[in-house]
């Protein structure tokens, strides 16, 4: 720290440190220093110094971050007349579990038996004074000095985290720019009125014509309005600006370049109205284009073209340091494109990644196609009994010659090579991961609900039979090890019978 703790937190000004209520600046100093003081063990339970006593610092930390305001905020009531965070909380003599009987859902199990699941809340001990305190984790509060809220028991949390990743913060991030531009526009309007009054006064005295000045201000006002409309949705931070400049103006890096195809020119030729003819027509009419109308249309076009990319500096830093994600998850994720296996089984074309690299016994760089379907069906012999879900969860594909990937500390074990028929020809191999990753399953259609399969019925409807087949096919693609699609059909030629057989004989993979 640049300043000593004595100078920062003790009696270095006219206000004693033990004076309450404590100033916001003093509270901010405690908050900024807390992780440093906590890690260096400067905070002790029996420390007689007020600023470094553990009880005092914990109380100040929670008052700054985890204590909600008793007067609430407008956002507390955006879903009704009651606080959406359920504050204040009641007294709780000891911890317990509260079952929400009104929030029950029925789960259909694979064996056909129903199961009713009820949401619940874990209630920690609360005494007097804790009615507006977050359910927080003290270790997290001490290490990162920020607000944190710990909740379990409700499946809605999963949906909340999923939807929050796409939350639109455009309005909040652009608000400051809008406020400044609004004030600037008002200044222009006031100036225009003042000049108009001066013009009217001068016309009454000496008849001086000053029509150009109001026109200039009017045009400037419209220009600023257009700029405001454009910038309100395209304000970006310095981090995002750097990304756009290094990637040619694009937020994404594509495998192929793009090129415009101006069909509009062909349309103009067919109608015998080329750009030159339109220009000559304007010269003949002698009409001057309206500058403001043209500028307005230009700004409308720019605004329509530009996407909403306004993000705050804090969010830009977060995205750049976390690989483009707003959240830090406990495990990495990896795509599992079951849709490729579906298409290949149906005899349809599938998509490939075309890579360029050298074969181990050649110096020539050659292109070769890579797809998940080939990677799984032609997997190494060591993974003979591994299903597609297990393979994606526990293993990664490493490109040969990539020193960064091959030297990564996230792998363990030896290299595993694909079958000889694999298109890579040993240009890539498989490595086992030290930590599992979560597969993200991609299918052509949603997985059917078990409740629609009529599992308990021996004479299912035609629709149920179709859903059974698709459900069984996806389940086998995911959880049953195979190398040829013929292995997925039973003697009667159906996926469903094979699925029932595999399930009864323990052939489907399960996470133990």
Foldseek 3Di string as FASTA:
>chain_A
DVDDPCCLQQPVDPDGNPDPPDDPSNLVSLLVCQQVCVVVVQADCPDPDQSRHNVNSLVSLQVVAFFDDPVDDPVLAPPHDGGPVRFQDDADQAKDKAWDPVAKDWAQDPLRDIDIATFMWIGGGDDPPCRRGAPDDSVVCRNNSHHDHDIDRDPVVVVVVVVVQVDDPLCVLLVVVLVVLVVVLVVLVVVLVVVVVVQVVVCVPPNDDDVVVNVVSVLVSLLSVLVSLQCSQVPADPLVVVCCVVQVNDVDDDPDDDDDDPVVQVVCVVVVNHPVNVVVVCVVVVDDDDPSVVSNVVSVVSSVPDGRHRDHPVQSVCCVVQVRTNDDDPFAEDEQECAQVVQVVVVHDDDWDWDWDDAPPDPDTDIWTDDLLLCQLQPFPVCQLPASQRCQFWKDKAFPPPPCVVPDPQFDDDWGATHCPRRCNPRITMTTGPGTHHYDYDHPDDQDRPVLLPSVDPDDDPVNVVSLQVNLVVQCNGFARDNDPVLQADPVRTNNVSSVVCVVVVRGDDDD
